[in-house]
């Protein structure tokens, strides 16, 4: 799932493959579109947008320098000329106004300190009536992978920080988007598994890489061993012979800039 070429970067593309297909279908990137991708990570969704926008362009934005470095290498290797990446916080970055035809994000918009300000800033970068297509997690209790992390952290902090479930409530999220200048807000229920590795041993390394390596190192040896034992049991129970999968629920959100 994570190779030496990736270093310590978790392979979100493998974890979220079914979600990515749904996002791509909903985005419907056109050949002339100018696409903004928020929280692009290692750039899979940005590259797919660039390939579809053959006469347009795609811009990927993320705060992780290592992920953007990997994204640039992959784009160069694939000969994508119409793609750029920017290291920036989308809540504050001075995007070119009224420029983009479409904004997409695969689980990259739940972490803003001020979501209304962030989406308003994104909205100013979109032309009038431009589309917004997002994937966000539903409530924690609807996501089996989150329960796994909660059990892993049972001996210390119970919650994930920053909160990946901040946009789980459709009423609240619609109000945020409306206040930020978006209309025609719609929610589609997405039920797809997330993938952590080809077997429980690989999944164990991947989960610790993604979530809790530093946390476990901070525990006393006995508590850390108990946490590792809980995690190994969880992963073994979800190994179906072709990989380790956990149920998940997400919202596919669509909207337009007013």
C-alpha atoms as a PDB file:
ATOM      1  CA  UNK A   1       0.000   0.000   0.000  1.00  0.00           C
ATOM      2  CA  UNK A   2       2.895   2.341   0.758  1.00  0.00           C
ATOM      3  CA  UNK A   3       6.141   1.701  -1.100  1.00  0.00           C
ATOM      4  CA  UNK A   4       9.657   2.901  -0.415  1.00  0.00           C
ATOM      5  CA  UNK A   5       9.175   5.421  -3.209  1.00  0.00           C
ATOM      6  CA  UNK A   6       6.354   6.957  -1.203  1.00  0.00           C
ATOM      7  CA  UNK A   7       8.456   6.972   1.966  1.00  0.00           C
ATOM      8  CA  UNK A   8       6.165   7.431   4.923  1.00  0.00           C
ATOM      9  CA  UNK A   9       3.233   8.723   2.859  1.00  0.00           C
ATOM     10  CA  UNK A  10       0.018   6.790   3.277  1.00  0.00           C
ATOM     11  CA  UNK A  11      -1.556   5.690  -0.013  1.00  0.00           C
ATOM     12  CA  UNK A  12      -4.939   7.408   0.176  1.00  0.00           C
ATOM     13  CA  UNK A  13      -5.554   6.547  -3.479  1.00  0.00           C
ATOM     14  CA  UNK A  14      -5.647   2.829  -2.700  1.00  0.00           C
ATOM     15  CA  UNK A  15      -7.688   3.382   0.458  1.00  0.00           C
ATOM     16  CA  UNK A  16     -10.351   5.406  -1.356  1.00  0.00           C
ATOM     17  CA  UNK A  17     -10.526   3.844  -4.830  1.00  0.00           C
ATOM     18  CA  UNK A  18     -14.341   3.324  -4.940  1.00  0.00           C
ATOM     19  CA  UNK A  19     -14.930   6.824  -3.561  1.00  0.00           C
ATOM     20  CA  UNK A  20     -12.631   8.263  -6.195  1.00  0.00           C
ATOM     21  CA  UNK A  21     -14.628   6.684  -9.001  1.00  0.00           C
ATOM     22  CA  UNK A  22     -17.838   8.204  -7.666  1.00  0.00           C
ATOM     23  CA  UNK A  23     -16.241  11.625  -7.332  1.00  0.00           C
ATOM     24  CA  UNK A  24     -14.912  11.491 -10.885  1.00  0.00           C
ATOM     25  CA  UNK A  25     -18.315  10.541 -12.264  1.00  0.00           C
ATOM     26  CA  UNK A  26     -20.054  13.321 -10.345  1.00  0.00           C
ATOM     27  CA  UNK A  27     -17.467  15.952 -11.303  1.00  0.00           C
ATOM     28  CA  UNK A  28     -18.049  15.426 -15.043  1.00  0.00           C
ATOM     29  CA  UNK A  29     -14.973  17.435 -15.953  1.00  0.00           C
ATOM     30  CA  UNK A  30     -15.393  18.929 -19.409  1.00  0.00           C
ATOM     31  CA  UNK A  31     -12.674  19.422 -22.029  1.00  0.00           C
ATOM     32  CA  UNK A  32     -12.510  23.196 -21.488  1.00  0.00           C
ATOM     33  CA  UNK A  33     -12.939  23.252 -17.710  1.00  0.00           C
ATOM     34  CA  UNK A  34     -10.582  24.980 -15.309  1.00  0.00           C
ATOM     35  CA  UNK A  35     -10.620  22.796 -12.195  1.00  0.00           C
ATOM     36  CA  UNK A  36      -9.594  23.579  -8.612  1.00  0.00           C
ATOM     37  CA  UNK A  37      -8.842  20.553  -6.406  1.00  0.00           C
ATOM     38  CA  UNK A  38      -8.817  21.272  -2.646  1.00  0.00           C
ATOM     39  CA  UNK A  39      -6.756  18.984  -0.413  1.00  0.00           C
ATOM     40  CA  UNK A  40      -5.332  17.207  -3.441  1.00  0.00           C
ATOM     41  CA  UNK A  41      -2.759  15.118  -1.548  1.00  0.00           C
ATOM     42  CA  UNK A  42      -0.585  13.214  -4.005  1.00  0.00           C
ATOM     43  CA  UNK A  43      -2.683  14.527  -6.870  1.00  0.00           C
ATOM     44  CA  UNK A  44      -4.675  11.579  -8.217  1.00  0.00           C
ATOM     45  CA  UNK A  45      -7.899  13.583  -8.491  1.00  0.00           C
ATOM     46  CA  UNK A  46      -6.010  16.565  -9.934  1.00  0.00           C
ATOM     47  CA  UNK A  47      -4.359  14.414 -12.595  1.00  0.00           C
ATOM     48  CA  UNK A  48      -7.657  12.822 -13.550  1.00  0.00           C
ATOM     49  CA  UNK A  49      -9.196  16.285 -13.888  1.00  0.00           C
ATOM     50  CA  UNK A  50      -6.289  17.462 -16.033  1.00  0.00           C
ATOM     51  CA  UNK A  51      -6.618  14.469 -18.356  1.00  0.00           C
ATOM     52  CA  UNK A  52     -10.325  15.179 -18.839  1.00  0.00           C
ATOM     53  CA  UNK A  53      -9.821  18.935 -19.255  1.00  0.00           C
ATOM     54  CA  UNK A  54      -7.807  18.505 -22.448  1.00  0.00           C
ATOM     55  CA  UNK A  55      -8.175  22.175 -23.428  1.00  0.00           C
ATOM     56  CA  UNK A  56      -8.494  23.431 -19.842  1.00  0.00           C
ATOM     57  CA  UNK A  57      -6.377  23.045 -16.718  1.00  0.00           C
ATOM     58  CA  UNK A  58      -6.270  21.709 -13.169  1.00  0.00           C
ATOM     59  CA  UNK A  59      -4.793  23.229 -10.017  1.00  0.00           C
ATOM     60  CA  UNK A  60      -4.215  21.080  -6.941  1.00  0.00           C
ATOM     61  CA  UNK A  61      -3.933  22.728  -3.523  1.00  0.00           C
ATOM     62  CA  UNK A  62      -2.680  21.099  -0.333  1.00  0.00           C
ATOM     63  CA  UNK A  63      -0.752  22.033   2.816  1.00  0.00           C
ATOM     64  CA  UNK A  64       1.522  18.952   2.721  1.00  0.00           C
ATOM     65  CA  UNK A  65       4.840  19.640   1.005  1.00  0.00           C
ATOM     66  CA  UNK A  66       5.847  15.934   0.769  1.00  0.00           C
ATOM     67  CA  UNK A  67       2.537  15.001  -0.851  1.00  0.00           C
ATOM     68  CA  UNK A  68       2.791  17.868  -3.343  1.00  0.00           C
ATOM     69  CA  UNK A  69       6.344  16.867  -4.210  1.00  0.00           C
ATOM     70  CA  UNK A  70       5.106  13.366  -4.987  1.00  0.00           C
ATOM     71  CA  UNK A  71       2.168  14.808  -6.952  1.00  0.00           C
ATOM     72  CA  UNK A  72       4.494  16.895  -9.130  1.00  0.00           C
ATOM     73  CA  UNK A  73       6.745  13.919  -9.874  1.00  0.00           C
ATOM     74  CA  UNK A  74       3.773  11.780 -10.919  1.00  0.00           C
ATOM     75  CA  UNK A  75       2.346  14.541 -13.126  1.00  0.00           C
ATOM     76  CA  UNK A  76       5.708  15.101 -14.816  1.00  0.00           C
ATOM     77  CA  UNK A  77       6.133  11.369 -15.381  1.00  0.00           C
ATOM     78  CA  UNK A  78       2.704  11.234 -17.019  1.00  0.00           C
ATOM     79  CA  UNK A  79       3.426  14.240 -19.263  1.00  0.00           C
ATOM     80  CA  UNK A  80       0.557  16.368 -18.009  1.00  0.00           C
ATOM     81  CA  UNK A  81       1.229  19.887 -19.220  1.00  0.00           C
ATOM     82  CA  UNK A  82      -2.010  21.500 -17.989  1.00  0.00           C
ATOM     83  CA  UNK A  83      -1.588  20.891 -14.268  1.00  0.00           C
ATOM     84  CA  UNK A  84      -0.044  22.875 -11.411  1.00  0.00           C
ATOM     85  CA  UNK A  85       0.159  22.421  -7.647  1.00  0.00           C
ATOM     86  CA  UNK A  86       0.177  25.043  -4.922  1.00  0.00           C
ATOM     87  CA  UNK A  87       1.082  24.639  -1.274  1.00  0.00           C
ATOM     88  CA  UNK A  88      -1.560  26.729   0.445  1.00  0.00           C
ATOM     89  CA  UNK A  89      -4.392  26.822   2.949  1.00  0.00           C
ATOM     90  CA  UNK A  90      -7.526  27.233   0.830  1.00  0.00           C
ATOM     91  CA  UNK A  91      -9.173  29.252   3.598  1.00  0.00           C
ATOM     92  CA  UNK A  92      -6.741  32.133   3.059  1.00  0.00           C
ATOM     93  CA  UNK A  93      -5.011  31.675  -0.299  1.00  0.00           C
ATOM     94  CA  UNK A  94      -5.579  34.570  -2.746  1.00  0.00           C
ATOM     95  CA  UNK A  95      -6.920  32.588  -5.697  1.00  0.00           C
ATOM     96  CA  UNK A  96      -7.550  34.383  -8.980  1.00  0.00           C
ATOM     97  CA  UNK A  97     -11.159  35.639  -8.751  1.00  0.00           C
ATOM     98  CA  UNK A  98     -13.931  34.229 -10.964  1.00  0.00           C
ATOM     99  CA  UNK A  99     -11.490  31.864 -12.605  1.00  0.00           C
ATOM    100  CA  UNK A 100     -12.480  28.228 -12.088  1.00  0.00           C
ATOM    101  CA  UNK A 101     -15.420  26.360 -13.643  1.00  0.00           C
ATOM    102  CA  UNK A 102     -15.385  23.553 -11.076  1.00  0.00           C
ATOM    103  CA  UNK A 103     -14.047  22.859  -7.587  1.00  0.00           C
ATOM    104  CA  UNK A 104     -13.597  19.274  -6.425  1.00  0.00           C
ATOM    105  CA  UNK A 105     -12.363  17.765  -3.183  1.00  0.00           C
ATOM    106  CA  UNK A 106     -11.954  14.186  -1.986  1.00  0.00           C
ATOM    107  CA  UNK A 107     -12.145  14.437   1.808  1.00  0.00           C
ATOM    108  CA  UNK A 108     -10.103  17.643   1.847  1.00  0.00           C
ATOM    109  CA  UNK A 109     -12.549  20.264   3.129  1.00  0.00           C
ATOM    110  CA  UNK A 110     -13.432  19.095   6.651  1.00  0.00           C
ATOM    111  CA  UNK A 111     -10.489  20.694   8.447  1.00  0.00           C
ATOM    112  CA  UNK A 112     -10.933  24.448   8.017  1.00  0.00           C
ATOM    113  CA  UNK A 113     -10.699  26.568  11.166  1.00  0.00           C
ATOM    114  CA  UNK A 114     -13.519  28.760   9.802  1.00  0.00           C
ATOM    115  CA  UNK A 115     -15.503  26.775   7.206  1.00  0.00           C
ATOM    116  CA  UNK A 116     -17.729  29.693   6.153  1.00  0.00           C
ATOM    117  CA  UNK A 117     -14.694  31.870   5.468  1.00  0.00           C
ATOM    118  CA  UNK A 118     -12.947  29.007   3.689  1.00  0.00           C
ATOM    119  CA  UNK A 119     -15.826  28.168   1.377  1.00  0.00           C
ATOM    120  CA  UNK A 120     -16.425  31.868   0.724  1.00  0.00           C
ATOM    121  CA  UNK A 121     -12.782  32.192  -0.322  1.00  0.00           C
ATOM    122  CA  UNK A 122     -13.128  29.164  -2.581  1.00  0.00           C
ATOM    123  CA  UNK A 123     -16.361  30.592  -3.970  1.00  0.00           C
ATOM    124  CA  UNK A 124     -14.631  33.831  -4.963  1.00  0.00           C
ATOM    125  CA  UNK A 125     -12.243  31.757  -7.069  1.00  0.00           C
ATOM    126  CA  UNK A 126     -15.171  30.237  -8.998  1.00  0.00           C
ATOM    127  CA  UNK A 127     -17.031  31.886 -11.835  1.00  0.00           C
ATOM    128  CA  UNK A 128     -20.756  32.523 -11.229  1.00  0.00           C
ATOM    129  CA  UNK A 129     -22.776  29.271 -11.352  1.00  0.00           C
ATOM    130  CA  UNK A 130     -19.592  27.182 -11.234  1.00  0.00           C
ATOM    131  CA  UNK A 131     -20.008  23.770  -9.605  1.00  0.00           C
ATOM    132  CA  UNK A 132     -18.718  22.429  -6.299  1.00  0.00           C
ATOM    133  CA  UNK A 133     -18.359  18.634  -5.876  1.00  0.00           C
ATOM    134  CA  UNK A 134     -17.130  17.299  -2.538  1.00  0.00           C
ATOM    135  CA  UNK A 135     -16.742  14.045  -0.678  1.00  0.00           C
ATOM    136  CA  UNK A 136     -16.941  14.330   3.127  1.00  0.00           C
ATOM    137  CA  UNK A 137     -17.376  11.751   5.852  1.00  0.00           C
ATOM    138  CA  UNK A 138     -20.725  11.133   7.474  1.00  0.00           C
ATOM    139  CA  UNK A 139     -21.007  10.845  11.239  1.00  0.00           C
ATOM    140  CA  UNK A 140     -18.291   8.990  13.148  1.00  0.00           C
ATOM    141  CA  UNK A 141     -20.724   6.261  14.260  1.00  0.00           C
ATOM    142  CA  UNK A 142     -21.467   5.439  10.607  1.00  0.00           C
ATOM    143  CA  UNK A 143     -17.794   4.826   9.824  1.00  0.00           C
ATOM    144  CA  UNK A 144     -16.361   1.499  10.915  1.00  0.00           C
ATOM    145  CA  UNK A 145     -12.796   2.681  10.350  1.00  0.00           C
ATOM    146  CA  UNK A 146     -13.356   5.470  12.896  1.00  0.00           C
ATOM    147  CA  UNK A 147     -14.516   2.920  15.472  1.00  0.00           C
ATOM    148  CA  UNK A 148     -11.262   1.039  14.885  1.00  0.00           C
ATOM    149  CA  UNK A 149      -9.271   4.195  15.609  1.00  0.00           C
ATOM    150  CA  UNK A 150     -11.371   4.926  18.688  1.00  0.00           C
ATOM    151  CA  UNK A 151     -10.598   1.458  20.063  1.00  0.00           C
ATOM    152  CA  UNK A 152      -6.917   1.912  19.275  1.00  0.00           C
ATOM    153  CA  UNK A 153      -6.931   5.157  21.236  1.00  0.00           C
ATOM    154  CA  UNK A 154      -9.032   3.838  24.096  1.00  0.00           C
ATOM    155  CA  UNK A 155      -6.169   4.247  26.541  1.00  0.00           C
ATOM    156  CA  UNK A 156      -5.719   7.926  25.697  1.00  0.00           C
ATOM    157  CA  UNK A 157      -7.524  10.512  23.565  1.00  0.00           C
ATOM    158  CA  UNK A 158     -10.911   9.319  22.202  1.00  0.00           C
ATOM    159  CA  UNK A 159     -11.321  11.696  19.261  1.00  0.00           C
ATOM    160  CA  UNK A 160      -9.552  12.398  15.998  1.00  0.00           C
ATOM    161  CA  UNK A 161      -8.015  15.854  15.681  1.00  0.00           C
ATOM    162  CA  UNK A 162      -8.530  17.667  13.391  1.00  0.00           C
ATOM    163  CA  UNK A 163     -12.109  16.486  13.117  1.00  0.00           C
ATOM    164  CA  UNK A 164     -12.792  14.622   9.842  1.00  0.00           C
ATOM    165  CA  UNK A 165     -16.528  14.626  10.654  1.00  0.00           C
ATOM    166  CA  UNK A 166     -17.034  18.393  10.842  1.00  0.00           C
ATOM    167  CA  UNK A 167     -19.257  18.388   7.718  1.00  0.00           C
ATOM    168  CA  UNK A 168     -21.212  15.233   8.606  1.00  0.00           C
ATOM    169  CA  UNK A 169     -24.472  17.027   9.458  1.00  0.00           C
ATOM    170  CA  UNK A 170     -26.275  17.935   6.197  1.00  0.00           C
ATOM    171  CA  UNK A 171     -28.290  20.726   7.829  1.00  0.00           C
ATOM    172  CA  UNK A 172     -25.195  22.376   9.260  1.00  0.00           C
ATOM    173  CA  UNK A 173     -23.163  21.856   6.095  1.00  0.00           C
ATOM    174  CA  UNK A 174     -25.884  23.290   3.876  1.00  0.00           C
ATOM    175  CA  UNK A 175     -26.048  26.347   6.126  1.00  0.00           C
ATOM    176  CA  UNK A 176     -22.266  26.772   5.879  1.00  0.00           C
ATOM    177  CA  UNK A 177     -22.338  26.570   2.097  1.00  0.00           C
ATOM    178  CA  UNK A 178     -25.315  28.906   1.844  1.00  0.00           C
ATOM    179  CA  UNK A 179     -23.582  31.470   4.066  1.00  0.00           C
ATOM    180  CA  UNK A 180     -20.494  31.150   1.850  1.00  0.00           C
ATOM    181  CA  UNK A 181     -22.474  31.955  -1.287  1.00  0.00           C
ATOM    182  CA  UNK A 182     -23.461  28.536  -2.657  1.00  0.00           C
ATOM    183  CA  UNK A 183     -26.875  27.348  -3.727  1.00  0.00           C
ATOM    184  CA  UNK A 184     -28.532  24.159  -5.091  1.00  0.00           C
ATOM    185  CA  UNK A 185     -26.836  22.136  -2.353  1.00  0.00           C
ATOM    186  CA  UNK A 186     -27.451  18.391  -2.644  1.00  0.00           C
ATOM    187  CA  UNK A 187     -26.333  15.312  -0.686  1.00  0.00           C
ATOM    188  CA  UNK A 188     -25.931  11.762  -1.992  1.00  0.00           C
ATOM    189  CA  UNK A 189     -25.394   8.884   0.425  1.00  0.00           C
ATOM    190  CA  UNK A 190     -22.183   6.969  -0.381  1.00  0.00           C
ATOM    191  CA  UNK A 191     -21.580   3.538   1.130  1.00  0.00           C
ATOM    192  CA  UNK A 192     -18.234   2.126   0.039  1.00  0.00           C
ATOM    193  CA  UNK A 193     -15.493   0.292   1.939  1.00  0.00           C
ATOM    194  CA  UNK A 194     -12.085   1.743   2.690  1.00  0.00           C
ATOM    195  CA  UNK A 195      -9.000  -0.399   2.093  1.00  0.00           C
ATOM    196  CA  UNK A 196      -5.993  -0.642   4.403  1.00  0.00           C
ATOM    197  CA  UNK A 197      -3.844  -3.310   2.795  1.00  0.00           C
ATOM    198  CA  UNK A 198      -3.648  -6.731   1.151  1.00  0.00           C
ATOM    199  CA  UNK A 199      -3.414  -8.528   4.515  1.00  0.00           C
ATOM    200  CA  UNK A 200      -3.665  -7.756   8.209  1.00  0.00           C
ATOM    201  CA  UNK A 201       0.104  -7.424   8.666  1.00  0.00           C
ATOM    202  CA  UNK A 202       0.395  -4.773   5.943  1.00  0.00           C
ATOM    203  CA  UNK A 203      -2.728  -3.064   7.228  1.00  0.00           C
ATOM    204  CA  UNK A 204      -1.243  -2.892  10.730  1.00  0.00           C
ATOM    205  CA  UNK A 205       1.772  -0.946   9.443  1.00  0.00           C
ATOM    206  CA  UNK A 206      -0.413   1.292   7.296  1.00  0.00           C
ATOM    207  CA  UNK A 207      -2.823   2.203  10.081  1.00  0.00           C
ATOM    208  CA  UNK A 208       0.004   3.089  12.455  1.00  0.00           C
ATOM    209  CA  UNK A 209       1.645   5.149   9.711  1.00  0.00           C
ATOM    210  CA  UNK A 210      -1.590   7.006   9.095  1.00  0.00           C
ATOM    211  CA  UNK A 211      -2.872   7.553  12.621  1.00  0.00           C
ATOM    212  CA  UNK A 212      -1.068   6.559  15.751  1.00  0.00           C
ATOM    213  CA  UNK A 213       2.653   5.846  15.569  1.00  0.00           C
ATOM    214  CA  UNK A 214       3.559   8.831  17.767  1.00  0.00           C
ATOM    215  CA  UNK A 215       0.622   8.161  20.077  1.00  0.00           C
ATOM    216  CA  UNK A 216       1.701   4.586  20.779  1.00  0.00           C
ATOM    217  CA  UNK A 217       5.294   5.652  21.288  1.00  0.00           C
ATOM    218  CA  UNK A 218       4.071   8.013  24.016  1.00  0.00           C
ATOM    219  CA  UNK A 219       2.338   5.218  25.959  1.00  0.00           C
ATOM    220  CA  UNK A 220       3.979   3.065  28.575  1.00  0.00           C
ATOM    221  CA  UNK A 221       5.078  -0.300  27.144  1.00  0.00           C
ATOM    222  CA  UNK A 222       2.191  -2.311  28.601  1.00  0.00           C
ATOM    223  CA  UNK A 223      -0.479   0.117  27.377  1.00  0.00           C
ATOM    224  CA  UNK A 224       1.139   0.327  23.948  1.00  0.00           C
ATOM    225  CA  UNK A 225       1.162  -3.452  23.652  1.00  0.00           C
ATOM    226  CA  UNK A 226      -2.527  -3.639  24.596  1.00  0.00           C
ATOM    227  CA  UNK A 227      -3.334  -1.037  21.931  1.00  0.00           C
ATOM    228  CA  UNK A 228      -1.350  -2.965  19.322  1.00  0.00           C
ATOM    229  CA  UNK A 229      -3.139  -6.192  20.269  1.00  0.00           C
ATOM    230  CA  UNK A 230      -6.547  -4.498  19.856  1.00  0.00           C
ATOM    231  CA  UNK A 231      -5.513  -3.189  16.464  1.00  0.00           C
ATOM    232  CA  UNK A 232      -4.195  -6.552  15.246  1.00  0.00           C
ATOM    233  CA  UNK A 233      -7.449  -8.237  16.285  1.00  0.00           C
ATOM    234  CA  UNK A 234      -9.553  -5.580  14.557  1.00  0.00           C
ATOM    235  CA  UNK A 235      -7.606  -5.869  11.321  1.00  0.00           C
ATOM    236  CA  UNK A 236      -7.637  -9.672  11.326  1.00  0.00           C
ATOM    237  CA  UNK A 237     -11.424  -9.605  11.742  1.00  0.00           C
ATOM    238  CA  UNK A 238     -11.729  -7.409   8.647  1.00  0.00           C
ATOM    239  CA  UNK A 239      -9.370  -9.388   6.418  1.00  0.00           C
ATOM    240  CA  UNK A 240     -11.637 -11.045   3.859  1.00  0.00           C
ATOM    241  CA  UNK A 241      -8.851 -12.915   2.081  1.00  0.00           C
ATOM    242  CA  UNK A 242      -8.425 -10.313  -0.661  1.00  0.00           C
ATOM    243  CA  UNK A 243      -7.611  -7.393   1.594  1.00  0.00           C
ATOM    244  CA  UNK A 244      -8.497  -5.563   4.803  1.00  0.00           C
ATOM    245  CA  UNK A 245     -11.665  -3.476   4.375  1.00  0.00           C
ATOM    246  CA  UNK A 246     -13.759  -1.385   6.754  1.00  0.00           C
ATOM    247  CA  UNK A 247     -17.263  -0.084   6.065  1.00  0.00           C
ATOM    248  CA  UNK A 248     -17.652   3.638   5.602  1.00  0.00           C
ATOM    249  CA  UNK A 249     -20.350   6.217   4.930  1.00  0.00           C
ATOM    250  CA  UNK A 250     -19.794   9.509   3.173  1.00  0.00           C
ATOM    251  CA  UNK A 251     -21.712  12.355   1.582  1.00  0.00           C
ATOM    252  CA  UNK A 252     -21.202  13.338  -2.018  1.00  0.00           C
ATOM    253  CA  UNK A 253     -22.086  17.025  -1.925  1.00  0.00           C
ATOM    254  CA  UNK A 254     -22.893  19.122  -4.978  1.00  0.00           C
ATOM    255  CA  UNK A 255     -23.569  22.852  -5.115  1.00  0.00           C
ATOM    256  CA  UNK A 256     -23.188  25.926  -7.304  1.00  0.00           C
ATOM    257  CA  UNK A 257     -21.704  29.293  -6.683  1.00  0.00           C
ATOM    258  CA  UNK A 258     -24.577  31.740  -6.423  1.00  0.00           C
END
